[in-house]
Amino acid sequence: MKFSPFIKQMLAERCGKEIKHSADCEIVALDISKVTGDNIGVNTIKRLLGFIPDERQPRTSTLDIIARYLGFDKWEELKAHDSTFSNSFFNNSSDELLVSDLEQGTKVVVRYLPNRELRLDYLGENRFRVANSINSKLKTGDELLLTHLVKRFPMLVSEVVREGKIIGAFTAGEAEGIDFEVVAQTAEIP
């Protein structure tokens, strides 16, 4: 079994590093262990990402660990949100926002518990600037790199840049997920 590009991208965003080489799998394995407390062997990660050819099915427990790492309860839940496993990606297309579909200057409001809100300005090339941050660890002026937002799922930011320095990846709404609203380029954010 080899992971789909969707899951590979989610892994890259979650660990904050593009996965281009087999050596990058070590970073993924270490981050999975750090975040979940469970270990997955580097060679297993390499197989799942296609660096080692192998069609064996991984254990369900391994897939469940990866799902938890990505903000899902179980592998079946993650699999249900991968378009390569299902023709219906989400119940409602308004539940997902592909950043590549946005125009530069678009404003997006992201809300998550408890009482957190981010007002984001789209800069282009999958980058946002935080225009306003309420009760979040992200600060006004931070720049974020992310490819998509999905309602009721965590927001996975693969890179946060603060005052010109990369400070790492960030996940918002790990427990309950996020809600978001796209505001027209010329409209004021409510």
N, C-alpha and C. Protein backbone atom coordinates (compact mmCIF):
# COMPACT_ATOMS: atom_id res chain seq x y z
N MET A 1 0.84 -1.18 0.00
CA MET A 1 0.00 0.00 0.00
C MET A 1 0.89 1.25 0.00
N LYS A 2 0.50 2.21 -0.80
CA LYS A 2 1.22 3.49 -0.88
C LYS A 2 0.20 4.60 -0.65
N PHE A 3 0.55 5.58 0.19
CA PHE A 3 -0.35 6.68 0.47
C PHE A 3 -0.61 7.52 -0.77
N SER A 4 -1.79 8.09 -0.82
CA SER A 4 -2.18 8.98 -1.91
C SER A 4 -1.44 10.32 -1.78
N PRO A 5 -1.39 11.11 -2.85
CA PRO A 5 -0.78 12.44 -2.76
C PRO A 5 -1.46 13.32 -1.69
N PHE A 6 -2.77 13.14 -1.51
CA PHE A 6 -3.52 13.90 -0.49
C PHE A 6 -2.95 13.62 0.90
N ILE A 7 -2.79 12.35 1.25
CA ILE A 7 -2.29 12.00 2.58
C ILE A 7 -0.81 12.38 2.70
N LYS A 8 -0.05 12.19 1.64
CA LYS A 8 1.36 12.60 1.66
C LYS A 8 1.48 14.10 1.93
N GLN A 9 0.63 14.90 1.29
CA GLN A 9 0.64 16.35 1.51
C GLN A 9 0.24 16.70 2.94
N MET A 10 -0.75 15.99 3.47
CA MET A 10 -1.15 16.23 4.86
C MET A 10 0.00 15.93 5.82
N LEU A 11 0.72 14.83 5.55
CA LEU A 11 1.87 14.48 6.39
C LEU A 11 2.95 15.58 6.32
N ALA A 12 3.20 16.07 5.12
CA ALA A 12 4.22 17.12 4.94
C ALA A 12 3.82 18.38 5.70
N GLU A 13 2.54 18.75 5.60
CA GLU A 13 2.07 19.95 6.29
C GLU A 13 2.15 19.77 7.80
N ARG A 14 1.79 18.59 8.26
CA ARG A 14 1.77 18.34 9.71
C ARG A 14 3.17 18.36 10.32
N CYS A 15 4.14 17.76 9.60
CA CYS A 15 5.49 17.73 10.17
C CYS A 15 6.30 18.97 9.80
N GLY A 16 5.76 19.79 8.89
CA GLY A 16 6.43 21.04 8.55
C GLY A 16 7.59 20.89 7.60
N LYS A 17 7.61 19.80 6.82
CA LYS A 17 8.71 19.56 5.89
C LYS A 17 8.19 18.84 4.66
N GLU A 18 8.60 19.31 3.48
CA GLU A 18 8.27 18.58 2.26
C GLU A 18 8.92 17.21 2.30
N ILE A 19 8.22 16.22 1.81
CA ILE A 19 8.75 14.86 1.83
C ILE A 19 9.17 14.51 0.40
N LYS A 20 10.42 14.84 0.09
CA LYS A 20 10.94 14.62 -1.26
C LYS A 20 11.91 13.45 -1.33
N HIS A 21 12.57 13.15 -0.23
CA HIS A 21 13.60 12.13 -0.20
C HIS A 21 13.31 11.12 0.91
N SER A 22 13.85 9.93 0.77
CA SER A 22 13.59 8.90 1.79
C SER A 22 14.09 9.33 3.16
N ALA A 23 15.14 10.15 3.22
CA ALA A 23 15.66 10.62 4.51
C ALA A 23 14.63 11.49 5.24
N ASP A 24 13.72 12.12 4.50
CA ASP A 24 12.68 12.94 5.12
C ASP A 24 11.72 12.09 5.95
N CYS A 25 11.67 10.80 5.68
CA CYS A 25 10.78 9.90 6.42
C CYS A 25 11.19 9.78 7.88
N GLU A 26 12.47 9.99 8.17
CA GLU A 26 12.93 9.96 9.56
C GLU A 26 12.30 11.10 10.35
N ILE A 27 12.20 12.26 9.73
CA ILE A 27 11.59 13.42 10.39
C ILE A 27 10.11 13.13 10.66
N VAL A 28 9.44 12.53 9.67
CA VAL A 28 8.03 12.19 9.83
C VAL A 28 7.86 11.20 10.99
N ALA A 29 8.67 10.14 11.01
CA ALA A 29 8.58 9.12 12.06
C ALA A 29 8.81 9.73 13.44
N LEU A 30 9.81 10.61 13.56
CA LEU A 30 10.09 11.25 14.85
C LEU A 30 8.94 12.15 15.28
N ASP A 31 8.37 12.89 14.34
CA ASP A 31 7.28 13.80 14.69
C ASP A 31 6.02 13.02 15.08
N ILE A 32 5.77 11.91 14.39
CA ILE A 32 4.62 11.06 14.75
C ILE A 32 4.79 10.58 16.19
N SER A 33 5.98 10.14 16.54
CA SER A 33 6.25 9.66 17.89
C SER A 33 6.07 10.77 18.91
N LYS A 34 6.58 11.95 18.58
CA LYS A 34 6.48 13.10 19.49
C LYS A 34 5.03 13.52 19.72
N VAL A 35 4.24 13.56 18.64
CA VAL A 35 2.86 14.04 18.72
C VAL A 35 1.92 13.00 19.32
N THR A 36 2.06 11.74 18.91
CA THR A 36 1.09 10.71 19.32
C THR A 36 1.58 9.86 20.49
N GLY A 37 2.89 9.81 20.70
CA GLY A 37 3.43 8.92 21.73
C GLY A 37 3.59 7.49 21.24
N ASP A 38 3.24 7.24 19.99
CA ASP A 38 3.36 5.91 19.38
C ASP A 38 4.47 5.92 18.33
N ASN A 39 5.14 4.80 18.17
CA ASN A 39 6.23 4.71 17.21
C ASN A 39 5.82 3.94 15.96
N ILE A 40 6.26 4.45 14.83
CA ILE A 40 6.14 3.75 13.55
C ILE A 40 7.54 3.72 12.97
N GLY A 41 7.99 2.57 12.52
CA GLY A 41 9.33 2.44 11.97
C GLY A 41 9.54 3.29 10.73
N VAL A 42 10.75 3.77 10.58
CA VAL A 42 11.10 4.60 9.43
C VAL A 42 10.86 3.85 8.13
N ASN A 43 11.21 2.56 8.08
CA ASN A 43 10.99 1.79 6.85
C ASN A 43 9.50 1.65 6.53
N THR A 44 8.67 1.57 7.55
CA THR A 44 7.22 1.53 7.31
C THR A 44 6.77 2.83 6.67
N ILE A 45 7.25 3.97 7.20
CA ILE A 45 6.92 5.27 6.61
C ILE A 45 7.42 5.32 5.17
N LYS A 46 8.63 4.83 4.93
CA LYS A 46 9.19 4.83 3.56
C LYS A 46 8.32 4.00 2.62
N ARG A 47 7.84 2.84 3.10
CA ARG A 47 6.96 2.01 2.26
C ARG A 47 5.65 2.74 1.95
N LEU A 48 5.05 3.34 2.98
CA LEU A 48 3.76 4.01 2.81
C LEU A 48 3.86 5.24 1.91
N LEU A 49 5.04 5.84 1.86
CA LEU A 49 5.23 7.02 1.01
C LEU A 49 5.85 6.68 -0.34
N GLY A 50 6.08 5.40 -0.59
CA GLY A 50 6.54 4.97 -1.90
C GLY A 50 8.03 4.99 -2.12
N PHE A 51 8.84 5.20 -1.09
CA PHE A 51 10.28 5.19 -1.25
C PHE A 51 10.85 3.77 -1.26
N ILE A 52 10.11 2.83 -0.66
CA ILE A 52 10.47 1.41 -0.72
C ILE A 52 9.30 0.70 -1.37
N PRO A 53 9.51 0.06 -2.53
CA PRO A 53 8.40 -0.63 -3.19
C PRO A 53 7.93 -1.83 -2.35
N ASP A 54 6.66 -1.83 -2.03
CA ASP A 54 6.11 -2.90 -1.22
C ASP A 54 4.59 -2.77 -1.23
N GLU A 55 3.91 -3.81 -1.59
CA GLU A 55 2.45 -3.76 -1.67
C GLU A 55 1.77 -4.39 -0.45
N ARG A 56 2.54 -4.74 0.57
CA ARG A 56 1.93 -5.30 1.77
C ARG A 56 0.99 -4.28 2.41
N GLN A 57 -0.08 -4.78 2.99
CA GLN A 57 -1.00 -3.92 3.72
C GLN A 57 -0.44 -3.67 5.12
N PRO A 58 -0.36 -2.42 5.54
CA PRO A 58 0.10 -2.15 6.89
C PRO A 58 -0.97 -2.56 7.91
N ARG A 59 -0.56 -2.71 9.14
CA ARG A 59 -1.51 -3.01 10.21
C ARG A 59 -2.48 -1.86 10.39
N THR A 60 -3.70 -2.19 10.77
CA THR A 60 -4.70 -1.17 11.05
C THR A 60 -4.21 -0.24 12.16
N SER A 61 -3.52 -0.79 13.16
CA SER A 61 -3.02 0.04 14.26
C SER A 61 -2.03 1.09 13.75
N THR A 62 -1.21 0.75 12.76
CA THR A 62 -0.28 1.70 12.17
C THR A 62 -1.03 2.83 11.46
N LEU A 63 -2.04 2.44 10.69
CA LEU A 63 -2.84 3.44 9.97
C LEU A 63 -3.61 4.34 10.94
N ASP A 64 -4.09 3.76 12.04
CA ASP A 64 -4.79 4.56 13.05
C ASP A 64 -3.86 5.58 13.70
N ILE A 65 -2.59 5.22 13.92
CA ILE A 65 -1.62 6.16 14.49
C ILE A 65 -1.43 7.33 13.53
N ILE A 66 -1.30 7.03 12.26
CA ILE A 66 -1.12 8.10 11.26
C ILE A 66 -2.36 8.98 11.21
N ALA A 67 -3.53 8.36 11.28
CA ALA A 67 -4.77 9.14 11.28
C ALA A 67 -4.82 10.09 12.49
N ARG A 68 -4.46 9.58 13.67
CA ARG A 68 -4.45 10.43 14.88
C ARG A 68 -3.44 11.57 14.72
N TYR A 69 -2.30 11.26 14.16
CA TYR A 69 -1.28 12.29 13.91
C TYR A 69 -1.83 13.41 13.02
N LEU A 70 -2.69 13.04 12.10
CA LEU A 70 -3.26 14.02 11.16
C LEU A 70 -4.57 14.63 11.65
N GLY A 71 -4.96 14.32 12.89
CA GLY A 71 -6.13 14.97 13.47
C GLY A 71 -7.43 14.20 13.35
N PHE A 72 -7.37 12.95 12.95
CA PHE A 72 -8.56 12.11 12.83
C PHE A 72 -8.55 11.07 13.94
N ASP A 73 -9.71 10.50 14.24
CA ASP A 73 -9.79 9.48 15.28
C ASP A 73 -9.27 8.13 14.80
N LYS A 74 -9.62 7.76 13.60
CA LYS A 74 -9.29 6.43 13.05
C LYS A 74 -8.94 6.56 11.57
N TRP A 75 -8.26 5.54 11.05
CA TRP A 75 -7.89 5.48 9.64
C TRP A 75 -9.12 5.59 8.74
N GLU A 76 -10.19 4.91 9.11
CA GLU A 76 -11.41 4.93 8.27
C GLU A 76 -11.93 6.35 8.11
N GLU A 77 -11.82 7.15 9.16
CA GLU A 77 -12.26 8.54 9.09
C GLU A 77 -11.38 9.35 8.13
N LEU A 78 -10.07 9.16 8.23
CA LEU A 78 -9.15 9.84 7.32
C LEU A 78 -9.39 9.38 5.89
N LYS A 79 -9.53 8.09 5.71
CA LYS A 79 -9.74 7.52 4.38
C LYS A 79 -11.01 8.08 3.73
N ALA A 80 -12.02 8.33 4.54
CA ALA A 80 -13.28 8.87 4.02
C ALA A 80 -13.12 10.28 3.47
N HIS A 81 -12.04 10.96 3.86
CA HIS A 81 -11.82 12.33 3.40
C HIS A 81 -10.77 12.43 2.30
N ASP A 82 -10.34 11.30 1.81
CA ASP A 82 -9.36 11.26 0.72
C ASP A 82 -10.10 10.91 -0.56
N SER A 83 -10.06 11.79 -1.54
CA SER A 83 -10.83 11.60 -2.77
C SER A 83 -10.41 10.36 -3.55
N THR A 84 -9.23 9.81 -3.31
CA THR A 84 -8.84 8.60 -4.03
C THR A 84 -9.57 7.38 -3.49
N PHE A 85 -10.15 7.49 -2.29
CA PHE A 85 -10.92 6.39 -1.71
C PHE A 85 -12.42 6.58 -1.92
N SER A 86 -12.83 7.79 -2.25
CA SER A 86 -14.26 8.09 -2.31
C SER A 86 -14.52 9.09 -3.42
N ASN A 87 -15.62 8.96 -4.08
CA ASN A 87 -16.00 9.93 -5.10
C ASN A 87 -16.54 11.20 -4.48
N SER A 88 -17.02 11.11 -3.28
CA SER A 88 -17.56 12.27 -2.58
C SER A 88 -16.57 12.70 -1.51
N PHE A 89 -15.82 13.75 -1.77
CA PHE A 89 -14.76 14.16 -0.85
C PHE A 89 -15.34 14.63 0.47
N PHE A 90 -16.29 15.52 0.42
CA PHE A 90 -16.98 15.98 1.62
C PHE A 90 -18.46 16.03 1.31
N ASN A 91 -19.25 16.02 2.37
CA ASN A 91 -20.70 16.05 2.18
C ASN A 91 -21.14 17.31 1.46
N ASN A 92 -20.43 18.39 1.65
CA ASN A 92 -20.81 19.66 1.08
C ASN A 92 -19.53 20.34 0.61
N SER A 93 -19.48 20.74 -0.66
CA SER A 93 -18.25 21.32 -1.20
C SER A 93 -17.86 22.60 -0.48
N SER A 94 -18.80 23.25 0.21
CA SER A 94 -18.45 24.46 0.95
C SER A 94 -17.69 24.13 2.23
N ASP A 95 -17.55 22.83 2.55
CA ASP A 95 -16.80 22.42 3.73
C ASP A 95 -15.29 22.46 3.50
N GLU A 96 -14.86 22.53 2.24
CA GLU A 96 -13.43 22.51 1.93
C GLU A 96 -13.06 23.75 1.12
N LEU A 97 -11.90 24.31 1.46
CA LEU A 97 -11.37 25.45 0.72
C LEU A 97 -9.98 25.09 0.24
N LEU A 98 -9.80 25.02 -1.07
CA LEU A 98 -8.48 24.83 -1.65
C LEU A 98 -7.86 26.21 -1.85
N VAL A 99 -6.77 26.45 -1.19
CA VAL A 99 -6.14 27.76 -1.23
C VAL A 99 -5.77 28.16 -2.65
N SER A 100 -5.41 27.18 -3.46
CA SER A 100 -5.02 27.48 -4.85
C SER A 100 -6.17 28.10 -5.66
N ASP A 101 -7.41 27.97 -5.17
CA ASP A 101 -8.56 28.56 -5.86
C ASP A 101 -8.80 30.02 -5.50
N LEU A 102 -8.07 30.55 -4.51
CA LEU A 102 -8.29 31.92 -4.04
C LEU A 102 -7.55 32.94 -4.90
N GLU A 103 -8.09 34.15 -4.92
CA GLU A 103 -7.41 35.27 -5.55
C GLU A 103 -6.61 36.00 -4.48
N GLN A 104 -5.47 36.52 -4.88
CA GLN A 104 -4.65 37.30 -3.95
C GLN A 104 -5.50 38.44 -3.39
N GLY A 105 -5.39 38.69 -2.09
CA GLY A 105 -6.17 39.74 -1.45
C GLY A 105 -7.44 39.24 -0.78
N THR A 106 -7.82 37.99 -1.05
CA THR A 106 -9.01 37.43 -0.41
C THR A 106 -8.79 37.35 1.09
N LYS A 107 -9.85 37.61 1.83
CA LYS A 107 -9.80 37.55 3.29
C LYS A 107 -10.56 36.32 3.76
N VAL A 108 -9.97 35.63 4.75
CA VAL A 108 -10.58 34.42 5.30
C VAL A 108 -10.58 34.56 6.82
N VAL A 109 -11.71 34.22 7.43
CA VAL A 109 -11.82 34.20 8.89
C VAL A 109 -11.85 32.74 9.31
N VAL A 110 -10.99 32.37 10.25
CA VAL A 110 -10.93 31.01 10.78
C VAL A 110 -11.26 31.08 12.26
N ARG A 111 -12.22 30.23 12.70
CA ARG A 111 -12.61 30.19 14.11
C ARG A 111 -12.45 28.77 14.64
N TYR A 112 -12.01 28.67 15.91
CA TYR A 112 -11.90 27.37 16.55
C TYR A 112 -11.96 27.56 18.06
N LEU A 113 -12.24 26.46 18.74
CA LEU A 113 -12.42 26.50 20.20
C LEU A 113 -11.07 26.52 20.91
N PRO A 114 -11.00 27.08 22.09
CA PRO A 114 -12.06 27.84 22.76
C PRO A 114 -11.96 29.32 22.42
N ASN A 115 -12.94 29.85 21.74
CA ASN A 115 -13.06 31.28 21.49
C ASN A 115 -11.83 31.88 20.78
N ARG A 116 -11.36 31.21 19.72
CA ARG A 116 -10.20 31.70 18.98
C ARG A 116 -10.65 32.12 17.58
N GLU A 117 -10.00 33.16 17.08
CA GLU A 117 -10.33 33.64 15.75
C GLU A 117 -9.09 34.21 15.08
N LEU A 118 -8.92 33.87 13.81
CA LEU A 118 -7.84 34.40 12.98
C LEU A 118 -8.47 35.07 11.76
N ARG A 119 -8.01 36.26 11.48
CA ARG A 119 -8.42 36.94 10.24
C ARG A 119 -7.20 36.96 9.34
N LEU A 120 -7.32 36.31 8.20
CA LEU A 120 -6.19 36.07 7.33
C LEU A 120 -6.34 36.80 6.00
N ASP A 121 -5.25 37.35 5.49
CA ASP A 121 -5.21 37.94 4.16
C ASP A 121 -4.38 37.03 3.27
N TYR A 122 -4.95 36.65 2.11
CA TYR A 122 -4.25 35.76 1.20
C TYR A 122 -3.23 36.55 0.39
N LEU A 123 -1.96 36.11 0.46
CA LEU A 123 -0.86 36.79 -0.23
C LEU A 123 -0.54 36.18 -1.59
N GLY A 124 -1.07 34.99 -1.86
CA GLY A 124 -0.73 34.24 -3.06
C GLY A 124 0.24 33.13 -2.72
N GLU A 125 0.38 32.17 -3.63
CA GLU A 125 1.31 31.05 -3.48
C GLU A 125 1.16 30.32 -2.14
N ASN A 126 -0.10 30.06 -1.74
CA ASN A 126 -0.43 29.32 -0.52
C ASN A 126 0.01 30.02 0.77
N ARG A 127 0.21 31.32 0.73
CA ARG A 127 0.66 32.07 1.91
C ARG A 127 -0.42 33.07 2.36
N PHE A 128 -0.57 33.14 3.68
CA PHE A 128 -1.49 34.09 4.29
C PHE A 128 -0.72 34.94 5.30
N ARG A 129 -1.21 36.15 5.54
CA ARG A 129 -0.70 36.97 6.63
C ARG A 129 -1.83 37.09 7.65
N VAL A 130 -1.49 36.93 8.93
CA VAL A 130 -2.48 37.08 9.99
C VAL A 130 -2.74 38.57 10.17
N ALA A 131 -3.97 39.00 9.81
CA ALA A 131 -4.34 40.41 9.95
C ALA A 131 -4.79 40.71 11.37
N ASN A 132 -5.37 39.71 12.04
CA ASN A 132 -5.81 39.87 13.42
C ASN A 132 -5.88 38.49 14.07
N SER A 133 -5.45 38.40 15.30
CA SER A 133 -5.45 37.14 16.03
C SER A 133 -6.11 37.37 17.39
N ILE A 134 -7.14 36.58 17.66
CA ILE A 134 -7.84 36.67 18.94
C ILE A 134 -7.66 35.34 19.67
N ASN A 135 -7.00 35.37 20.82
CA ASN A 135 -6.81 34.21 21.70
C ASN A 135 -6.05 33.06 21.05
N SER A 136 -5.25 33.33 20.03
CA SER A 136 -4.47 32.29 19.36
C SER A 136 -2.99 32.50 19.64
N LYS A 137 -2.21 31.42 19.54
CA LYS A 137 -0.76 31.53 19.66
C LYS A 137 -0.16 32.24 18.45
N LEU A 138 -0.88 32.23 17.33
CA LEU A 138 -0.42 32.98 16.16
C LEU A 138 -0.60 34.46 16.46
N LYS A 139 0.30 35.28 15.91
CA LYS A 139 0.27 36.71 16.18
C LYS A 139 -0.01 37.48 14.91
N THR A 140 -0.58 38.67 15.09
CA THR A 140 -0.80 39.56 13.96
C THR A 140 0.54 39.78 13.26
N GLY A 141 0.55 39.64 11.94
CA GLY A 141 1.77 39.79 11.16
C GLY A 141 2.44 38.49 10.80
N ASP A 142 2.11 37.40 11.50
CA ASP A 142 2.67 36.10 11.14
C ASP A 142 2.26 35.74 9.72
N GLU A 143 3.15 35.07 9.00
CA GLU A 143 2.82 34.54 7.68
C GLU A 143 2.70 33.03 7.78
N LEU A 144 1.66 32.49 7.13
CA LEU A 144 1.34 31.06 7.21
C LEU A 144 1.38 30.43 5.83
N LEU A 145 1.87 29.21 5.77
CA LEU A 145 1.85 28.43 4.54
C LEU A 145 0.89 27.27 4.76
N LEU A 146 -0.19 27.23 3.95
CA LEU A 146 -1.13 26.12 4.03
C LEU A 146 -1.83 25.96 2.70
N THR A 147 -2.31 24.74 2.44
CA THR A 147 -2.88 24.44 1.12
C THR A 147 -4.39 24.31 1.12
N HIS A 148 -4.98 24.00 2.27
CA HIS A 148 -6.43 23.85 2.30
C HIS A 148 -6.97 23.99 3.71
N LEU A 149 -8.26 24.28 3.78
CA LEU A 149 -8.99 24.34 5.04
C LEU A 149 -10.20 23.43 4.90
N VAL A 150 -10.51 22.70 5.95
CA VAL A 150 -11.67 21.82 5.94
C VAL A 150 -12.44 22.05 7.23
N LYS A 151 -13.72 22.37 7.10
CA LYS A 151 -14.55 22.59 8.28
C LYS A 151 -14.63 21.32 9.12
N ARG A 152 -14.58 21.50 10.44
CA ARG A 152 -14.67 20.42 11.43
C ARG A 152 -13.41 19.56 11.50
N PHE A 153 -12.33 19.99 10.86
CA PHE A 153 -11.05 19.31 10.92
C PHE A 153 -9.96 20.32 11.28
N PRO A 154 -8.84 19.86 11.82
CA PRO A 154 -7.78 20.81 12.19
C PRO A 154 -7.23 21.56 10.98
N MET A 155 -6.76 22.78 11.23
CA MET A 155 -6.07 23.56 10.20
C MET A 155 -4.59 23.24 10.36
N LEU A 156 -3.99 22.68 9.31
CA LEU A 156 -2.59 22.27 9.34
C LEU A 156 -1.75 23.30 8.60
N VAL A 157 -1.00 24.08 9.36
CA VAL A 157 -0.12 25.10 8.79
C VAL A 157 1.27 24.48 8.73
N SER A 158 1.83 24.37 7.53
CA SER A 158 3.12 23.69 7.41
C SER A 158 4.29 24.60 7.77
N GLU A 159 4.06 25.92 7.77
CA GLU A 159 5.16 26.82 8.12
C GLU A 159 4.60 28.13 8.65
N VAL A 160 5.15 28.59 9.77
CA VAL A 160 4.82 29.91 10.32
C VAL A 160 6.09 30.74 10.28
N VAL A 161 6.00 31.94 9.71
CA VAL A 161 7.12 32.87 9.66
C VAL A 161 6.75 34.06 10.52
N ARG A 162 7.58 34.33 11.54
CA ARG A 162 7.35 35.45 12.45
C ARG A 162 8.58 36.34 12.42
N GLU A 163 8.36 37.60 12.07
CA GLU A 163 9.45 38.59 12.01
C GLU A 163 10.61 38.08 11.15
N GLY A 164 10.27 37.45 10.02
CA GLY A 164 11.27 37.00 9.07
C GLY A 164 11.92 35.67 9.39
N LYS A 165 11.55 35.03 10.51
CA LYS A 165 12.14 33.75 10.90
C LYS A 165 11.10 32.65 10.86
N ILE A 166 11.48 31.51 10.30
CA ILE A 166 10.59 30.34 10.32
C ILE A 166 10.59 29.78 11.73
N ILE A 167 9.39 29.70 12.33
CA ILE A 167 9.32 29.19 13.71
C ILE A 167 8.68 27.81 13.78
N GLY A 168 8.32 27.22 12.63
CA GLY A 168 7.82 25.85 12.62
C GLY A 168 6.40 25.72 12.09
N ALA A 169 5.85 24.53 12.29
CA ALA A 169 4.49 24.22 11.86
C ALA A 169 3.52 24.58 12.99
N PHE A 170 2.22 24.60 12.65
CA PHE A 170 1.20 24.94 13.64
C PHE A 170 -0.09 24.22 13.27
N THR A 171 -0.78 23.73 14.29
CA THR A 171 -2.09 23.11 14.08
C THR A 171 -3.11 23.84 14.92
N ALA A 172 -4.19 24.26 14.29
CA ALA A 172 -5.28 24.94 15.00
C ALA A 172 -6.50 24.03 15.03
N GLY A 173 -7.21 24.04 16.14
CA GLY A 173 -8.45 23.28 16.23
C GLY A 173 -8.26 21.78 16.29
N GLU A 174 -7.22 21.32 16.99
CA GLU A 174 -6.93 19.89 17.05
C GLU A 174 -8.09 19.09 17.63
N ALA A 175 -8.77 19.62 18.63
CA ALA A 175 -9.82 18.85 19.31
C ALA A 175 -11.14 18.82 18.53
N GLU A 176 -11.63 19.97 18.14
CA GLU A 176 -12.96 20.06 17.52
C GLU A 176 -12.93 20.45 16.05
N GLY A 177 -11.75 20.78 15.53
CA GLY A 177 -11.67 21.25 14.16
C GLY A 177 -11.92 22.74 14.09
N ILE A 178 -11.98 23.25 12.87
CA ILE A 178 -12.16 24.69 12.64
C ILE A 178 -13.44 24.95 11.88
N ASP A 179 -13.81 26.21 11.85
CA ASP A 179 -14.83 26.72 10.94
C ASP A 179 -14.17 27.87 10.21
N PHE A 180 -14.57 28.14 8.99
CA PHE A 180 -13.98 29.25 8.26
C PHE A 180 -15.04 29.93 7.41
N GLU A 181 -14.72 31.15 7.04
CA GLU A 181 -15.60 31.94 6.18
C GLU A 181 -14.71 32.72 5.22
N VAL A 182 -15.02 32.65 3.93
CA VAL A 182 -14.28 33.44 2.93
C VAL A 182 -15.04 34.73 2.73
N VAL A 183 -14.31 35.83 2.79
CA VAL A 183 -14.91 37.14 2.62
C VAL A 183 -14.40 37.71 1.31
N ALA A 184 -15.28 38.27 0.52
CA ALA A 184 -14.89 38.82 -0.79
C ALA A 184 -13.75 39.81 -0.64
N GLN A 185 -12.96 39.94 -1.68
CA GLN A 185 -11.75 40.76 -1.65
C GLN A 185 -12.02 42.18 -1.21
N THR A 186 -13.14 42.75 -1.60
CA THR A 186 -13.43 44.15 -1.28
C THR A 186 -14.30 44.30 -0.04
N ALA A 187 -14.79 43.19 0.49
CA ALA A 187 -15.70 43.28 1.65
C ALA A 187 -14.92 43.41 2.94
N GLU A 188 -15.57 43.95 3.94
CA GLU A 188 -15.00 44.03 5.28
C GLU A 188 -15.28 42.73 6.00
N ILE A 189 -14.37 42.29 6.83
CA ILE A 189 -14.58 41.08 7.62
C ILE A 189 -15.53 41.44 8.75
N PRO A 190 -16.59 40.64 8.95
CA PRO A 190 -17.57 40.96 9.99
C PRO A 190 -16.98 40.85 11.39
